Protein backbone atom coordinates (compact mmCIF):
# COMPACT_ATOMS: atom_id res chain seq x y z
CA UNK A 1 0.11 -3.73 9.59
CA UNK A 2 -2.75 -1.57 7.51
CA UNK A 3 -1.22 0.85 6.00
CA UNK A 4 -2.75 3.43 4.05
CA UNK A 5 -0.48 5.52 0.92
CA UNK A 6 -2.76 8.41 1.80
CA UNK A 7 -0.02 10.15 4.67
CA UNK A 8 -0.02 13.10 5.80
CA UNK A 9 3.70 13.49 5.97
CA UNK A 10 4.90 10.90 3.25
CA UNK A 11 3.90 8.81 0.40
CA UNK A 12 3.07 5.51 1.05
CA UNK A 13 5.16 3.82 -0.97
CA UNK A 14 8.48 5.50 0.30
CA UNK A 15 6.93 4.63 4.11
CA UNK A 16 6.90 0.51 2.40
CA UNK A 17 10.38 1.04 0.58
CA UNK A 18 11.46 2.05 3.89
CA UNK A 19 10.08 -0.71 6.07
CA UNK A 20 11.68 -2.89 3.55
CA UNK A 21 15.28 -1.31 4.10
CA UNK A 22 15.44 -1.61 8.36
CA UNK A 23 16.61 -4.81 9.39
CA UNK A 24 13.76 -5.23 12.28
CA UNK A 25 10.83 -4.10 9.97
CA UNK A 26 11.91 -6.42 6.92
CA UNK A 27 9.66 -9.01 7.26
CA UNK A 28 6.69 -7.11 8.60
CA UNK A 29 3.55 -7.84 6.64
CA UNK A 30 1.74 -5.58 5.21
CA UNK A 31 -2.12 -5.27 3.83
CA UNK A 32 -2.55 -1.78 2.03
CA UNK A 33 -5.91 -0.79 2.37
CA UNK A 34 -5.68 2.47 -0.07
CA UNK A 35 -8.30 4.38 -2.26
CA UNK A 36 -4.70 4.03 -4.00
CA UNK A 37 -3.82 0.83 -3.52
CA UNK A 38 -4.45 -0.03 -6.92
CA UNK A 39 -1.52 2.92 -8.49
CA UNK A 40 0.24 2.27 -5.42
CA UNK A 41 -0.25 -1.95 -6.74
CA UNK A 42 1.18 -0.63 -9.81
CA UNK A 43 3.71 1.47 -9.19
CA UNK A 44 5.67 -1.59 -7.22
CA UNK A 45 4.97 -3.42 -10.01
CA UNK A 46 7.96 -5.74 -9.46
CA UNK A 47 9.87 -4.98 -6.31
CA UNK A 48 10.15 -7.74 -4.40
CA UNK A 49 8.71 -5.87 -1.03
CA UNK A 50 6.38 -8.40 0.23
CA UNK A 51 3.17 -6.70 0.64
CA UNK A 52 0.72 -9.03 1.50
CA UNK A 53 -2.36 -7.58 -0.21
CA UNK A 54 -3.87 -4.57 -1.82
CA UNK A 55 -7.40 -3.31 -0.57
CA UNK A 56 -8.89 -0.64 -2.95
CA UNK A 57 -10.95 1.14 -0.70
CA UNK A 58 -11.58 3.15 -3.24
CA UNK A 59 -16.19 4.27 -3.67
CA UNK A 60 -17.56 2.55 -6.55
CA UNK A 61 -20.59 4.78 -8.63
CA UNK A 62 -23.82 3.28 -7.53
CA UNK A 63 -25.01 2.13 -11.49
CA UNK A 64 -28.27 0.69 -9.53
CA UNK A 65 -29.15 3.88 -8.54
């Protein structure tokens, strides 16, 4: 599953926690692809939630421009 942390009705962190608590989705592989990936990873630091990877989509300023 790919997941953006910026969801319209719920934050992605709470969704990950819910998925991990449900027996049917506890082992579901999750890849976070979000502009908030860095913040989300820091917020969940130490929790065993088994996110496979955290990919930040935050744009970086072009220093050559």
